[in-house]
PDB file of N, CA and C in Angstrom:
ATOM      1  N   MET A   1       0.841  -1.181   0.000  1.00  0.00           N
ATOM      2  CA  MET A   1       0.000   0.000   0.000  1.00  0.00           C
ATOM      3  C   MET A   1       0.889   1.248   0.000  1.00  0.00           C
ATOM      4  N   ILE A   2       0.574   2.165  -0.872  1.00  0.00           N
ATOM      5  CA  ILE A   2       1.321   3.413  -0.978  1.00  0.00           C
ATOM      6  C   ILE A   2       0.782   4.387   0.074  1.00  0.00           C
ATOM      7  N   THR A   3       1.677   4.951   0.869  1.00  0.00           N
ATOM      8  CA  THR A   3       1.242   5.860   1.932  1.00  0.00           C
ATOM      9  C   THR A   3       1.880   7.239   1.853  1.00  0.00           C
ATOM     10  N   ASN A   4       2.902   7.429   1.064  1.00  0.00           N
ATOM     11  CA  ASN A   4       3.597   8.724   1.026  1.00  0.00           C
ATOM     12  C   ASN A   4       3.266   9.511  -0.243  1.00  0.00           C
ATOM     13  N   TRP A   5       2.026   9.901  -0.370  1.00  0.00           N
ATOM     14  CA  TRP A   5       1.566  10.627  -1.552  1.00  0.00           C
ATOM     15  C   TRP A   5       2.084  12.059  -1.533  1.00  0.00           C
ATOM     16  N   ARG A   6       2.446  12.574  -2.732  1.00  0.00           N
ATOM     17  CA  ARG A   6       2.947  13.947  -2.884  1.00  0.00           C
ATOM     18  C   ARG A   6       2.184  14.642  -4.002  1.00  0.00           C
ATOM     19  N   LYS A   7       1.808  15.871  -3.739  1.00  0.00           N
ATOM     20  CA  LYS A   7       1.155  16.703  -4.756  1.00  0.00           C
ATOM     21  C   LYS A   7       2.149  17.778  -5.168  1.00  0.00           C
ATOM     22  N   SER A   8       2.123  18.171  -6.404  1.00  0.00           N
ATOM     23  CA  SER A   8       3.038  19.180  -6.909  1.00  0.00           C
ATOM     24  C   SER A   8       2.954  20.459  -6.079  1.00  0.00           C
ATOM     25  N   SER A   9       4.097  21.048  -5.804  1.00  0.00           N
ATOM     26  CA  SER A   9       4.117  22.320  -5.084  1.00  0.00           C
ATOM     27  C   SER A   9       3.567  23.449  -5.944  1.00  0.00           C
ATOM     28  N   ARG A  10       3.434  23.223  -7.235  1.00  0.00           N
ATOM     29  CA  ARG A  10       2.880  24.235  -8.143  1.00  0.00           C
ATOM     30  C   ARG A  10       1.361  24.216  -8.201  1.00  0.00           C
ATOM     31  N   SER A  11       0.762  23.216  -7.605  1.00  0.00           N
ATOM     32  CA  SER A  11      -0.697  23.109  -7.671  1.00  0.00           C
ATOM     33  C   SER A  11      -1.343  23.988  -6.610  1.00  0.00           C
ATOM     34  N   ASP A  12      -2.565  24.387  -6.888  1.00  0.00           N
ATOM     35  CA  ASP A  12      -3.310  25.144  -5.888  1.00  0.00           C
ATOM     36  C   ASP A  12      -4.186  24.174  -5.097  1.00  0.00           C
ATOM     37  N   ASN A  13      -5.068  24.660  -4.307  1.00  0.00           N
ATOM     38  CA  ASN A  13      -5.923  23.801  -3.488  1.00  0.00           C
ATOM     39  C   ASN A  13      -7.271  23.513  -4.136  1.00  0.00           C
ATOM     40  N   ALA A  14      -7.343  23.548  -5.454  1.00  0.00           N
ATOM     41  CA  ALA A  14      -8.606  23.351  -6.172  1.00  0.00           C
ATOM     42  C   ALA A  14      -8.887  21.877  -6.475  1.00  0.00           C
ATOM     43  N   ASN A  15      -8.049  20.971  -6.005  1.00  0.00           N
ATOM     44  CA  ASN A  15      -8.236  19.536  -6.250  1.00  0.00           C
ATOM     45  C   ASN A  15      -8.305  19.193  -7.732  1.00  0.00           C
ATOM     46  N   GLN A  16      -7.468  19.819  -8.517  1.00  0.00           N
ATOM     47  CA  GLN A  16      -7.400  19.540  -9.949  1.00  0.00           C
ATOM     48  C   GLN A  16      -6.009  19.041 -10.316  1.00  0.00           C
ATOM     49  N   CYS A  17      -5.468  18.197  -9.468  1.00  0.00           N
ATOM     50  CA  CYS A  17      -4.092  17.735  -9.638  1.00  0.00           C
ATOM     51  C   CYS A  17      -4.012  16.222  -9.542  1.00  0.00           C
ATOM     52  N   VAL A  18      -2.840  15.733  -9.827  1.00  0.00           N
ATOM     53  CA  VAL A  18      -2.536  14.323  -9.669  1.00  0.00           C
ATOM     54  C   VAL A  18      -1.478  14.220  -8.580  1.00  0.00           C
ATOM     55  N   GLU A  19      -1.650  13.247  -7.696  1.00  0.00           N
ATOM     56  CA  GLU A  19      -0.654  12.970  -6.672  1.00  0.00           C
ATOM     57  C   GLU A  19       0.145  11.748  -7.094  1.00  0.00           C
ATOM     58  N   LEU A  20       1.439  11.762  -6.792  1.00  0.00           N
ATOM     59  CA  LEU A  20       2.293  10.618  -7.042  1.00  0.00           C
ATOM     60  C   LEU A  20       2.788  10.091  -5.707  1.00  0.00           C
ATOM     61  N   GLY A  21       2.903   8.790  -5.607  1.00  0.00           N
ATOM     62  CA  GLY A  21       3.416   8.158  -4.399  1.00  0.00           C
ATOM     63  C   GLY A  21       4.175   6.904  -4.755  1.00  0.00           C
ATOM     64  N   TRP A  22       4.909   6.345  -3.791  1.00  0.00           N
ATOM     65  CA  TRP A  22       5.681   5.145  -4.065  1.00  0.00           C
ATOM     66  C   TRP A  22       5.931   4.363  -2.781  1.00  0.00           C
ATOM     67  N   THR A  23       6.248   3.133  -2.974  1.00  0.00           N
ATOM     68  CA  THR A  23       6.682   2.239  -1.917  1.00  0.00           C
ATOM     69  C   THR A  23       7.541   1.176  -2.574  1.00  0.00           C
ATOM     70  N   GLY A  24       8.756   1.017  -2.130  1.00  0.00           N
ATOM     71  CA  GLY A  24       9.659   0.066  -2.773  1.00  0.00           C
ATOM     72  C   GLY A  24       9.818   0.395  -4.247  1.00  0.00           C
ATOM     73  N   GLU A  25       9.600  -0.572  -5.098  1.00  0.00           N
ATOM     74  CA  GLU A  25       9.730  -0.366  -6.547  1.00  0.00           C
ATOM     75  C   GLU A  25       8.398  -0.095  -7.231  1.00  0.00           C
ATOM     76  N   ILE A  26       7.321   0.045  -6.465  1.00  0.00           N
ATOM     77  CA  ILE A  26       6.002   0.321  -7.029  1.00  0.00           C
ATOM     78  C   ILE A  26       5.661   1.787  -6.810  1.00  0.00           C
ATOM     79  N   ALA A  27       5.133   2.428  -7.835  1.00  0.00           N
ATOM     80  CA  ALA A  27       4.698   3.819  -7.742  1.00  0.00           C
ATOM     81  C   ALA A  27       3.248   3.899  -8.179  1.00  0.00           C
ATOM     82  N   GLY A  28       2.588   4.970  -7.799  1.00  0.00           N
ATOM     83  CA  GLY A  28       1.194   5.136  -8.162  1.00  0.00           C
ATOM     84  C   GLY A  28       0.847   6.581  -8.443  1.00  0.00           C
ATOM     85  N   ALA A  29      -0.251   6.772  -9.129  1.00  0.00           N
ATOM     86  CA  ALA A  29      -0.787   8.102  -9.417  1.00  0.00           C
ATOM     87  C   ALA A  29      -2.276   8.064  -9.117  1.00  0.00           C
ATOM     88  N   ARG A  30      -2.768   9.147  -8.519  1.00  0.00           N
ATOM     89  CA  ARG A  30      -4.199   9.238  -8.231  1.00  0.00           C
ATOM     90  C   ARG A  30      -4.656  10.677  -8.371  1.00  0.00           C
ATOM     91  N   ASP A  31      -5.937  10.854  -8.588  1.00  0.00           N
ATOM     92  CA  ASP A  31      -6.569  12.158  -8.806  1.00  0.00           C
ATOM     93  C   ASP A  31      -6.940  12.780  -7.463  1.00  0.00           C
ATOM     94  N   THR A  32      -6.539  14.017  -7.234  1.00  0.00           N
ATOM     95  CA  THR A  32      -6.873  14.676  -5.968  1.00  0.00           C
ATOM     96  C   THR A  32      -8.358  14.990  -5.858  1.00  0.00           C
ATOM     97  N   ALA A  33      -9.085  14.981  -6.953  1.00  0.00           N
ATOM     98  CA  ALA A  33     -10.524  15.247  -6.904  1.00  0.00           C
ATOM     99  C   ALA A  33     -11.276  14.138  -6.181  1.00  0.00           C
ATOM    100  N   GLU A  34     -10.635  12.994  -5.982  1.00  0.00           N
ATOM    101  CA  GLU A  34     -11.252  11.856  -5.297  1.00  0.00           C
ATOM    102  C   GLU A  34     -10.939  11.843  -3.802  1.00  0.00           C
ATOM    103  N   ASP A  35     -10.434  12.959  -3.255  1.00  0.00           N
ATOM    104  CA  ASP A  35      -9.977  12.947  -1.867  1.00  0.00           C
ATOM    105  C   ASP A  35     -11.092  12.809  -0.832  1.00  0.00           C
ATOM    106  N   GLN A  36     -12.344  12.906  -1.252  1.00  0.00           N
ATOM    107  CA  GLN A  36     -13.450  12.700  -0.312  1.00  0.00           C
ATOM    108  C   GLN A  36     -13.681  11.218  -0.027  1.00  0.00           C
ATOM    109  N   LEU A  37     -13.092  10.343  -0.834  1.00  0.00           N
ATOM    110  CA  LEU A  37     -13.216   8.896  -0.621  1.00  0.00           C
ATOM    111  C   LEU A  37     -12.195   8.423   0.403  1.00  0.00           C
ATOM    112  N   ALA A  38     -12.487   7.328   1.063  1.00  0.00           N
ATOM    113  CA  ALA A  38     -11.522   6.704   1.962  1.00  0.00           C
ATOM    114  C   ALA A  38     -10.283   6.301   1.162  1.00  0.00           C
ATOM    115  N   ALA A  39      -9.133   6.330   1.784  1.00  0.00           N
ATOM    116  CA  ALA A  39      -7.868   6.056   1.089  1.00  0.00           C
ATOM    117  C   ALA A  39      -7.905   4.742   0.319  1.00  0.00           C
ATOM    118  N   GLU A  40      -8.468   3.708   0.921  1.00  0.00           N
ATOM    119  CA  GLU A  40      -8.483   2.397   0.253  1.00  0.00           C
ATOM    120  C   GLU A  40      -9.501   2.333  -0.892  1.00  0.00           C
ATOM    121  N   ALA A  41     -10.404   3.303  -0.990  1.00  0.00           N
ATOM    122  CA  ALA A  41     -11.417   3.315  -2.049  1.00  0.00           C
ATOM    123  C   ALA A  41     -11.019   4.198  -3.231  1.00  0.00           C
ATOM    124  N   ARG A  42      -9.957   4.988  -3.081  1.00  0.00           N
ATOM    125  CA  ARG A  42      -9.544   5.891  -4.160  1.00  0.00           C
ATOM    126  C   ARG A  42      -8.895   5.120  -5.298  1.00  0.00           C
ATOM    127  N   PRO A  43      -9.302   5.392  -6.539  1.00  0.00           N
ATOM    128  CA  PRO A  43      -8.674   4.729  -7.684  1.00  0.00           C
ATOM    129  C   PRO A  43      -7.203   5.130  -7.806  1.00  0.00           C
ATOM    130  N   VAL A  44      -6.345   4.167  -8.062  1.00  0.00           N
ATOM    131  CA  VAL A  44      -4.907   4.398  -8.185  1.00  0.00           C
ATOM    132  C   VAL A  44      -4.397   3.637  -9.398  1.00  0.00           C
ATOM    133  N   ILE A  45      -3.583   4.288 -10.191  1.00  0.00           N
ATOM    134  CA  ILE A  45      -2.872   3.631 -11.283  1.00  0.00           C
ATOM    135  C   ILE A  45      -1.492   3.288 -10.739  1.00  0.00           C
ATOM    136  N   THR A  46      -1.107   2.021 -10.809  1.00  0.00           N
ATOM    137  CA  THR A  46       0.204   1.628 -10.307  1.00  0.00           C
ATOM    138  C   THR A  46       1.069   1.079 -11.435  1.00  0.00           C
ATOM    139  N   ALA A  47       2.357   1.266 -11.273  1.00  0.00           N
ATOM    140  CA  ALA A  47       3.351   0.773 -12.224  1.00  0.00           C
ATOM    141  C   ALA A  47       4.691   0.764 -11.501  1.00  0.00           C
ATOM    142  N   SER A  48       5.715   0.343 -12.193  1.00  0.00           N
ATOM    143  CA  SER A  48       7.046   0.393 -11.582  1.00  0.00           C
ATOM    144  C   SER A  48       7.452   1.855 -11.410  1.00  0.00           C
ATOM    145  N   ARG A  49       8.324   2.113 -10.459  1.00  0.00           N
ATOM    146  CA  ARG A  49       8.802   3.492 -10.252  1.00  0.00           C
ATOM    147  C   ARG A  49       9.456   4.026 -11.514  1.00  0.00           C
ATOM    148  N   ARG A  50      10.163   3.173 -12.225  1.00  0.00           N
ATOM    149  CA  ARG A  50      10.832   3.588 -13.468  1.00  0.00           C
ATOM    150  C   ARG A  50       9.800   4.021 -14.513  1.00  0.00           C
ATOM    151  N   ALA A  51       8.707   3.273 -14.648  1.00  0.00           N
ATOM    152  CA  ALA A  51       7.667   3.613 -15.629  1.00  0.00           C
ATOM    153  C   ALA A  51       6.969   4.927 -15.269  1.00  0.00           C
ATOM    154  N   ILE A  52       6.650   5.122 -13.996  1.00  0.00           N
ATOM    155  CA  ILE A  52       5.999   6.370 -13.572  1.00  0.00           C
ATOM    156  C   ILE A  52       6.937   7.552 -13.777  1.00  0.00           C
ATOM    157  N   ALA A  53       8.230   7.375 -13.478  1.00  0.00           N
ATOM    158  CA  ALA A  53       9.202   8.450 -13.683  1.00  0.00           C
ATOM    159  C   ALA A  53       9.306   8.818 -15.162  1.00  0.00           C
ATOM    160  N   ALA A  54       9.304   7.827 -16.048  1.00  0.00           N
ATOM    161  CA  ALA A  54       9.362   8.089 -17.488  1.00  0.00           C
ATOM    162  C   ALA A  54       8.110   8.812 -17.951  1.00  0.00           C
ATOM    163  N   PHE A  55       6.963   8.423 -17.418  1.00  0.00           N
ATOM    164  CA  PHE A  55       5.699   9.076 -17.764  1.00  0.00           C
ATOM    165  C   PHE A  55       5.714  10.542 -17.313  1.00  0.00           C
ATOM    166  N   ALA A  56       6.123  10.793 -16.075  1.00  0.00           N
ATOM    167  CA  ALA A  56       6.171  12.172 -15.559  1.00  0.00           C
ATOM    168  C   ALA A  56       7.167  13.008 -16.373  1.00  0.00           C
ATOM    169  N   ASP A  57       8.295  12.408 -16.756  1.00  0.00           N
ATOM    170  CA  ASP A  57       9.284  13.125 -17.564  1.00  0.00           C
ATOM    171  C   ASP A  57       8.699  13.498 -18.922  1.00  0.00           C
ATOM    172  N   ALA A  58       7.950  12.583 -19.515  1.00  0.00           N
ATOM    173  CA  ALA A  58       7.339  12.867 -20.827  1.00  0.00           C
ATOM    174  C   ALA A  58       6.312  13.992 -20.717  1.00  0.00           C
ATOM    175  N   LEU A  59       5.610  14.077 -19.598  1.00  0.00           N
ATOM    176  CA  LEU A  59       4.632  15.151 -19.414  1.00  0.00           C
ATOM    177  C   LEU A  59       5.300  16.523 -19.310  1.00  0.00           C
ATOM    178  N   ARG A  60       6.488  16.562 -18.779  1.00  0.00           N
ATOM    179  CA  ARG A  60       7.202  17.836 -18.622  1.00  0.00           C
ATOM    180  C   ARG A  60       7.689  18.404 -19.945  1.00  0.00           C
ATOM    181  N   ARG A  61       7.784  17.588 -20.963  1.00  0.00           N
ATOM    182  CA  ARG A  61       8.328  18.050 -22.253  1.00  0.00           C
ATOM    183  C   ARG A  61       7.329  18.788 -23.059  1.00  0.00           C
TER     184      ARG A  61
END
C-alpha cells in the first residue's frame, strides 16, 4: 500500500491535480478530486517506479 503521496508544489488547493506516491519499486498516481473517498477506495494507477518516472518526464516536455 502506498502511503507517502505527494502533490506538486505548483498546484493550488482546487483539487485539480494528480498525486504521485511510491513504496519500494512500485509507484502510483491518483486524482486529488477523489480525496473525499476513503484512502483504500480511491482509484490508483500503479506501475514500476521507473515507468511512472518516465511518464512524468514525458509530461514535462
